[in-house]
Amino acid sequence: MHAGRRLVLVSVLAASAATSLFGGQQVPTALVERHRTINDTATRITLFDNRMAVTTVRVDGKQVFFRQLSLPIEEFDVYLQVLEEVADTAQGEPQSFLEDGDSEVTISLHLQGHSPRTIRFSPLQVLGLDTNRLMVALDDLERRVAETSPSHEALRTWQPHKGDRVELFNGSKATVDEVRDDGVIVLIHDDTSIIEAVQGENASLVILRVLP
């Protein structure tokens, strides 16, 4: 087989495998990713084009924190606007403040309509206006993700199915008995066998978290 054809075939198979891995959906693309390393602690914040934001923290190479958040479309658009406005003008600087090189910020941008860019600078560097705007937006996004309750995020993105187990705000537990076409979730309480119908949009007012 011709080498060029083999390369195309491998690429197609890799893309197919990746699509299968994500349940038939297109693999999300990272729009922006920031790595901030200070001594032995590395913090990463990534925003994907499917509105998912992910924060991880590693200490001495070991992951000690992971959290993700699916942003509402309006909030995603605010971050995206800032990225679009500074994508071509944010600048990195030589790392001139830390001689040992143990601390560095690296930001990678991959926005549609803009050339991919990677900028690096010291955390102690005095930044230009656009680079500072980018840092402020990423700081805000990182804080937003880090402060999100994992159980709240799991509930917000939950697609209820019959048999799902949930914990309620009153401390009791219940099982999903039915999910109606209009979005109503029918719960059966464990302790009392009471049947409760909850409007889908009000689930977060009744259900504390989805049980594993």
C-alpha atoms as a PDB file:
ATOM      1  CA  MET A   1       0.000   0.000   0.000  1.00  0.00           C
ATOM      2  CA  HIS A   2       1.259   3.464  -0.858  1.00  0.00           C
ATOM      3  CA  ALA A   3       2.654   5.351   2.161  1.00  0.00           C
ATOM      4  CA  GLY A   4       0.309   8.279   1.574  1.00  0.00           C
ATOM      5  CA  ARG A   5      -2.722   5.992   1.497  1.00  0.00           C
ATOM      6  CA  ARG A   6      -1.548   4.226   4.663  1.00  0.00           C
ATOM      7  CA  LEU A   7      -1.277   7.603   6.404  1.00  0.00           C
ATOM      8  CA  VAL A   8      -4.783   8.598   5.339  1.00  0.00           C
ATOM      9  CA  LEU A   9      -6.151   5.220   6.478  1.00  0.00           C
ATOM     10  CA  VAL A  10      -4.464   5.529   9.886  1.00  0.00           C
ATOM     11  CA  SER A  11      -5.862   9.052  10.278  1.00  0.00           C
ATOM     12  CA  VAL A  12      -9.377   7.902   9.414  1.00  0.00           C
ATOM     13  CA  LEU A  13      -9.166   4.959  11.837  1.00  0.00           C
ATOM     14  CA  ALA A  14      -7.853   7.228  14.619  1.00  0.00           C
ATOM     15  CA  ALA A  15     -10.656   9.705  14.062  1.00  0.00           C
ATOM     16  CA  SER A  16     -13.202   6.870  14.056  1.00  0.00           C
ATOM     17  CA  ALA A  17     -11.805   5.480  17.318  1.00  0.00           C
ATOM     18  CA  ALA A  18     -11.906   8.899  18.952  1.00  0.00           C
ATOM     19  CA  THR A  19     -15.505   9.408  17.807  1.00  0.00           C
ATOM     20  CA  SER A  20     -16.477   6.021  19.278  1.00  0.00           C
ATOM     21  CA  LEU A  21     -14.743   6.913  22.537  1.00  0.00           C
ATOM     22  CA  PHE A  22     -16.933  10.001  22.881  1.00  0.00           C
ATOM     23  CA  GLY A  23     -20.176   8.185  22.164  1.00  0.00           C
ATOM     24  CA  GLY A  24     -20.377   9.103  18.475  1.00  0.00           C
ATOM     25  CA  GLN A  25     -19.933  12.806  19.158  1.00  0.00           C
ATOM     26  CA  GLN A  26     -17.160  14.970  17.811  1.00  0.00           C
ATOM     27  CA  VAL A  27     -14.144  15.175  20.101  1.00  0.00           C
ATOM     28  CA  PRO A  28     -14.192  18.610  21.816  1.00  0.00           C
ATOM     29  CA  THR A  29     -11.437  21.071  20.955  1.00  0.00           C
ATOM     30  CA  ALA A  30      -9.570  23.091  23.566  1.00  0.00           C
ATOM     31  CA  LEU A  31     -10.029  26.786  22.783  1.00  0.00           C
ATOM     32  CA  VAL A  32      -7.645  27.964  25.481  1.00  0.00           C
ATOM     33  CA  GLU A  33      -5.462  26.192  28.003  1.00  0.00           C
ATOM     34  CA  ARG A  34      -3.315  27.737  30.687  1.00  0.00           C
ATOM     35  CA  HIS A  35      -0.587  25.918  32.603  1.00  0.00           C
ATOM     36  CA  ARG A  36       0.674  27.792  35.639  1.00  0.00           C
ATOM     37  CA  THR A  37       3.645  26.222  37.410  1.00  0.00           C
ATOM     38  CA  ILE A  38       4.917  27.563  40.716  1.00  0.00           C
ATOM     39  CA  ASN A  39       7.664  25.418  42.207  1.00  0.00           C
ATOM     40  CA  ASP A  40       6.191  21.895  42.526  1.00  0.00           C
ATOM     41  CA  THR A  41       2.541  22.878  41.945  1.00  0.00           C
ATOM     42  CA  ALA A  42       1.057  22.929  38.439  1.00  0.00           C
ATOM     43  CA  THR A  43      -2.462  24.252  37.820  1.00  0.00           C
ATOM     44  CA  ARG A  44      -4.245  23.858  34.503  1.00  0.00           C
ATOM     45  CA  ILE A  45      -7.487  25.456  33.315  1.00  0.00           C
ATOM     46  CA  THR A  46      -8.923  24.433  29.940  1.00  0.00           C
ATOM     47  CA  LEU A  47     -11.983  25.718  28.098  1.00  0.00           C
ATOM     48  CA  PHE A  48     -13.378  23.500  25.336  1.00  0.00           C
ATOM     49  CA  ASP A  49     -15.616  24.419  22.419  1.00  0.00           C
ATOM     50  CA  ASN A  50     -18.430  22.309  23.904  1.00  0.00           C
ATOM     51  CA  ARG A  51     -18.567  24.836  26.814  1.00  0.00           C
ATOM     52  CA  MET A  52     -16.851  22.435  29.234  1.00  0.00           C
ATOM     53  CA  ALA A  53     -14.239  23.991  31.529  1.00  0.00           C
ATOM     54  CA  VAL A  54     -11.796  21.754  33.414  1.00  0.00           C
ATOM     55  CA  THR A  55      -9.387  22.573  36.239  1.00  0.00           C
ATOM     56  CA  THR A  56      -6.674  20.234  37.499  1.00  0.00           C
ATOM     57  CA  VAL A  57      -3.952  20.698  40.092  1.00  0.00           C
ATOM     58  CA  ARG A  58      -0.830  18.537  40.328  1.00  0.00           C
ATOM     59  CA  VAL A  59       1.732  18.560  43.119  1.00  0.00           C
ATOM     60  CA  ASP A  60       5.032  16.827  42.388  1.00  0.00           C
ATOM     61  CA  GLY A  61       3.380  15.332  39.309  1.00  0.00           C
ATOM     62  CA  LYS A  62       0.492  13.772  41.271  1.00  0.00           C
ATOM     63  CA  GLN A  63      -3.029  14.988  40.563  1.00  0.00           C
ATOM     64  CA  VAL A  64      -4.604  16.302  43.771  1.00  0.00           C
ATOM     65  CA  PHE A  65      -7.607  18.176  42.344  1.00  0.00           C
ATOM     66  CA  PHE A  66      -9.941  17.728  39.387  1.00  0.00           C
ATOM     67  CA  ARG A  67     -13.175  19.518  38.649  1.00  0.00           C
ATOM     68  CA  GLN A  68     -15.201  20.289  35.551  1.00  0.00           C
ATOM     69  CA  LEU A  69     -18.086  22.595  34.788  1.00  0.00           C
ATOM     70  CA  SER A  70     -20.408  22.865  31.804  1.00  0.00           C
ATOM     71  CA  LEU A  71     -20.893  26.605  31.312  1.00  0.00           C
ATOM     72  CA  PRO A  72     -24.274  28.114  30.412  1.00  0.00           C
ATOM     73  CA  ILE A  73     -24.203  29.446  26.851  1.00  0.00           C
ATOM     74  CA  GLU A  74     -24.414  33.083  27.985  1.00  0.00           C
ATOM     75  CA  GLU A  75     -21.457  32.698  30.333  1.00  0.00           C
ATOM     76  CA  PHE A  76     -19.444  30.795  27.726  1.00  0.00           C
ATOM     77  CA  ASP A  77     -20.028  33.597  25.220  1.00  0.00           C
ATOM     78  CA  VAL A  78     -18.595  36.168  27.647  1.00  0.00           C
ATOM     79  CA  TYR A  79     -15.348  34.239  28.006  1.00  0.00           C
ATOM     80  CA  LEU A  80     -15.210  33.556  24.280  1.00  0.00           C
ATOM     81  CA  GLN A  81     -15.592  37.252  23.492  1.00  0.00           C
ATOM     82  CA  VAL A  82     -12.572  38.117  25.650  1.00  0.00           C
ATOM     83  CA  LEU A  83     -10.532  35.358  24.001  1.00  0.00           C
ATOM     84  CA  GLU A  84     -11.485  36.614  20.543  1.00  0.00           C
ATOM     85  CA  GLU A  85     -10.543  40.189  21.415  1.00  0.00           C
ATOM     86  CA  VAL A  86      -7.059  39.386  22.728  1.00  0.00           C
ATOM     87  CA  ALA A  87      -6.199  36.282  20.678  1.00  0.00           C
ATOM     88  CA  ASP A  88      -3.831  38.120  18.344  1.00  0.00           C
ATOM     89  CA  THR A  89      -2.486  40.788  20.672  1.00  0.00           C
ATOM     90  CA  ALA A  90      -1.696  39.104  24.009  1.00  0.00           C
ATOM     91  CA  GLN A  91       2.068  38.820  24.325  1.00  0.00           C
ATOM     92  CA  GLY A  92       4.440  36.661  26.318  1.00  0.00           C
ATOM     93  CA  GLU A  93       7.689  37.937  27.732  1.00  0.00           C
ATOM     94  CA  PRO A  94      11.069  36.384  28.512  1.00  0.00           C
ATOM     95  CA  GLN A  95      11.174  34.924  31.993  1.00  0.00           C
ATOM     96  CA  SER A  96      13.363  37.575  33.532  1.00  0.00           C
ATOM     97  CA  PHE A  97      12.338  37.528  37.170  1.00  0.00           C
ATOM     98  CA  LEU A  98      12.913  33.929  38.237  1.00  0.00           C
ATOM     99  CA  GLU A  99      16.374  32.608  37.589  1.00  0.00           C
ATOM    100  CA  ASP A 100      15.658  28.988  38.525  1.00  0.00           C
ATOM    101  CA  GLY A 101      12.874  28.594  35.958  1.00  0.00           C
ATOM    102  CA  ASP A 102      10.631  26.715  38.414  1.00  0.00           C
ATOM    103  CA  SER A 103       7.727  29.104  37.819  1.00  0.00           C
ATOM    104  CA  GLU A 104       6.128  29.819  34.471  1.00  0.00           C
ATOM    105  CA  VAL A 105       2.783  30.539  32.828  1.00  0.00           C
ATOM    106  CA  THR A 106       2.014  29.011  29.425  1.00  0.00           C
ATOM    107  CA  ILE A 107      -1.179  29.876  27.536  1.00  0.00           C
ATOM    108  CA  SER A 108      -2.199  28.086  24.333  1.00  0.00           C
ATOM    109  CA  LEU A 109      -4.928  29.575  22.137  1.00  0.00           C
ATOM    110  CA  HIS A 110      -6.744  27.677  19.368  1.00  0.00           C
ATOM    111  CA  LEU A 111      -9.602  29.880  18.187  1.00  0.00           C
ATOM    112  CA  GLN A 112     -11.433  29.585  14.901  1.00  0.00           C
ATOM    113  CA  GLY A 113     -10.341  32.342  12.543  1.00  0.00           C
ATOM    114  CA  HIS A 114      -7.076  32.929  14.430  1.00  0.00           C
ATOM    115  CA  SER A 115      -3.685  31.323  14.085  1.00  0.00           C
ATOM    116  CA  PRO A 116      -2.824  28.968  16.984  1.00  0.00           C
ATOM    117  CA  ARG A 117      -0.595  30.697  19.504  1.00  0.00           C
ATOM    118  CA  THR A 118       1.377  29.828  22.617  1.00  0.00           C
ATOM    119  CA  ILE A 119       2.671  32.541  24.935  1.00  0.00           C
ATOM    120  CA  ARG A 120       4.893  32.156  27.995  1.00  0.00           C
ATOM    121  CA  PHE A 121       5.886  34.461  30.804  1.00  0.00           C
ATOM    122  CA  SER A 122       6.819  34.566  34.463  1.00  0.00           C
ATOM    123  CA  PRO A 123       4.041  34.782  37.093  1.00  0.00           C
ATOM    124  CA  LEU A 124       5.867  37.876  38.375  1.00  0.00           C
ATOM    125  CA  GLN A 125       6.026  39.550  34.965  1.00  0.00           C
ATOM    126  CA  VAL A 126       4.417  42.952  34.492  1.00  0.00           C
ATOM    127  CA  LEU A 127       1.890  42.224  31.742  1.00  0.00           C
ATOM    128  CA  GLY A 128       0.561  44.279  28.892  1.00  0.00           C
ATOM    129  CA  LEU A 129      -3.098  45.300  28.838  1.00  0.00           C
ATOM    130  CA  ASP A 130      -4.392  42.494  26.595  1.00  0.00           C
ATOM    131  CA  THR A 131      -2.327  39.793  28.281  1.00  0.00           C
ATOM    132  CA  ASN A 132      -3.621  41.010  31.636  1.00  0.00           C
ATOM    133  CA  ARG A 133      -7.229  40.849  30.347  1.00  0.00           C
ATOM    134  CA  LEU A 134      -6.610  37.272  29.271  1.00  0.00           C
ATOM    135  CA  MET A 135      -5.143  36.368  32.659  1.00  0.00           C
ATOM    136  CA  VAL A 136      -8.037  37.986  34.531  1.00  0.00           C
ATOM    137  CA  ALA A 137     -10.574  36.045  32.422  1.00  0.00           C
ATOM    138  CA  LEU A 138      -8.748  32.753  33.019  1.00  0.00           C
ATOM    139  CA  ASP A 139      -8.373  33.483  36.739  1.00  0.00           C
ATOM    140  CA  ASP A 140     -12.124  34.075  36.907  1.00  0.00           C
ATOM    141  CA  LEU A 141     -12.874  30.891  34.953  1.00  0.00           C
ATOM    142  CA  GLU A 142     -10.517  28.846  37.122  1.00  0.00           C
ATOM    143  CA  ARG A 143     -12.146  30.167  40.282  1.00  0.00           C
ATOM    144  CA  ARG A 144     -15.614  29.547  38.837  1.00  0.00           C
ATOM    145  CA  VAL A 145     -14.821  25.911  38.153  1.00  0.00           C
ATOM    146  CA  ALA A 146     -12.978  25.334  41.436  1.00  0.00           C
ATOM    147  CA  GLU A 147     -15.881  26.687  43.498  1.00  0.00           C
ATOM    148  CA  THR A 148     -18.488  24.546  41.766  1.00  0.00           C
ATOM    149  CA  SER A 149     -19.969  21.806  43.885  1.00  0.00           C
ATOM    150  CA  PRO A 150     -19.310  18.474  42.155  1.00  0.00           C
ATOM    151  CA  SER A 151     -22.727  17.212  43.223  1.00  0.00           C
ATOM    152  CA  HIS A 152     -24.434  20.366  41.923  1.00  0.00           C
ATOM    153  CA  GLU A 153     -22.712  20.070  38.554  1.00  0.00           C
ATOM    154  CA  ALA A 154     -23.587  16.373  38.332  1.00  0.00           C
ATOM    155  CA  LEU A 155     -27.224  17.238  39.072  1.00  0.00           C
ATOM    156  CA  ARG A 156     -27.295  20.088  36.548  1.00  0.00           C
ATOM    157  CA  THR A 157     -26.118  17.834  33.731  1.00  0.00           C
ATOM    158  CA  TRP A 158     -28.048  14.780  34.939  1.00  0.00           C
ATOM    159  CA  GLN A 159     -30.317  13.007  32.479  1.00  0.00           C
ATOM    160  CA  PRO A 160     -32.729  11.109  34.769  1.00  0.00           C
ATOM    161  CA  HIS A 161     -33.593   7.497  34.040  1.00  0.00           C
ATOM    162  CA  LYS A 162     -35.799   4.946  35.740  1.00  0.00           C
ATOM    163  CA  GLY A 163     -33.862   3.319  38.589  1.00  0.00           C
ATOM    164  CA  ASP A 164     -31.576   6.280  39.305  1.00  0.00           C
ATOM    165  CA  ARG A 165     -30.914   6.846  43.004  1.00  0.00           C
ATOM    166  CA  VAL A 166     -30.976  10.340  44.529  1.00  0.00           C
ATOM    167  CA  GLU A 167     -30.587  12.020  47.900  1.00  0.00           C
ATOM    168  CA  LEU A 168     -33.128  14.711  48.752  1.00  0.00           C
ATOM    169  CA  PHE A 169     -32.654  17.965  50.639  1.00  0.00           C
ATOM    170  CA  ASN A 170     -34.679  16.586  53.567  1.00  0.00           C
ATOM    171  CA  GLY A 171     -32.045  13.886  54.054  1.00  0.00           C
ATOM    172  CA  SER A 172     -34.062  10.987  52.692  1.00  0.00           C
ATOM    173  CA  LYS A 173     -33.258   8.935  49.628  1.00  0.00           C
ATOM    174  CA  ALA A 174     -35.462   8.051  46.694  1.00  0.00           C
ATOM    175  CA  THR A 175     -35.523   6.112  43.443  1.00  0.00           C
ATOM    176  CA  VAL A 176     -36.630   7.447  40.058  1.00  0.00           C
ATOM    177  CA  ASP A 177     -39.683   5.402  39.095  1.00  0.00           C
ATOM    178  CA  GLU A 178     -40.597   7.217  35.906  1.00  0.00           C
ATOM    179  CA  VAL A 179     -39.499  10.082  33.671  1.00  0.00           C
ATOM    180  CA  ARG A 180     -42.471  11.452  31.769  1.00  0.00           C
ATOM    181  CA  ASP A 181     -42.429  12.999  28.322  1.00  0.00           C
ATOM    182  CA  ASP A 182     -43.065  16.460  29.781  1.00  0.00           C
ATOM    183  CA  GLY A 183     -39.935  16.175  31.967  1.00  0.00           C
ATOM    184  CA  VAL A 184     -41.680  15.335  35.224  1.00  0.00           C
ATOM    185  CA  ILE A 185     -39.571  13.036  37.428  1.00  0.00           C
ATOM    186  CA  VAL A 186     -41.543  10.564  39.553  1.00  0.00           C
ATOM    187  CA  LEU A 187     -39.737   9.585  42.758  1.00  0.00           C
ATOM    188  CA  ILE A 188     -40.493   6.841  45.265  1.00  0.00           C
ATOM    189  CA  HIS A 189     -39.171   7.638  48.754  1.00  0.00           C
ATOM    190  CA  ASP A 190     -37.229   4.817  50.412  1.00  0.00           C
ATOM    191  CA  ASP A 191     -38.511   5.231  53.958  1.00  0.00           C
ATOM    192  CA  THR A 192     -42.163   5.989  53.330  1.00  0.00           C
ATOM    193  CA  SER A 193     -42.803   4.729  49.775  1.00  0.00           C
ATOM    194  CA  ILE A 194     -44.408   8.104  49.119  1.00  0.00           C
ATOM    195  CA  ILE A 195     -44.649   8.889  45.423  1.00  0.00           C
ATOM    196  CA  GLU A 196     -43.526  12.420  44.545  1.00  0.00           C
ATOM    197  CA  ALA A 197     -43.708  14.085  41.139  1.00  0.00           C
ATOM    198  CA  VAL A 198     -41.065  16.755  40.539  1.00  0.00           C
ATOM    199  CA  GLN A 199     -41.024  19.142  37.604  1.00  0.00           C
ATOM    200  CA  GLY A 200     -37.714  18.744  35.758  1.00  0.00           C
ATOM    201  CA  GLU A 201     -36.841  22.439  36.068  1.00  0.00           C
ATOM    202  CA  ASN A 202     -37.397  22.259  39.845  1.00  0.00           C
ATOM    203  CA  ALA A 203     -35.282  19.146  40.437  1.00  0.00           C
ATOM    204  CA  SER A 204     -32.417  21.143  41.991  1.00  0.00           C
ATOM    205  CA  LEU A 205     -34.837  22.482  44.618  1.00  0.00           C
ATOM    206  CA  VAL A 206     -35.793  18.966  45.752  1.00  0.00           C
ATOM    207  CA  ILE A 207     -32.809  16.748  44.895  1.00  0.00           C
ATOM    208  CA  LEU A 208     -29.516  17.366  46.657  1.00  0.00           C
ATOM    209  CA  ARG A 209     -27.388  14.986  44.616  1.00  0.00           C
ATOM    210  CA  VAL A 210     -27.431  11.974  42.359  1.00  0.00           C
ATOM    211  CA  LEU A 211     -26.096   8.880  44.091  1.00  0.00           C
ATOM    212  CA  PRO A 212     -23.483   6.689  42.383  1.00  0.00           C
END
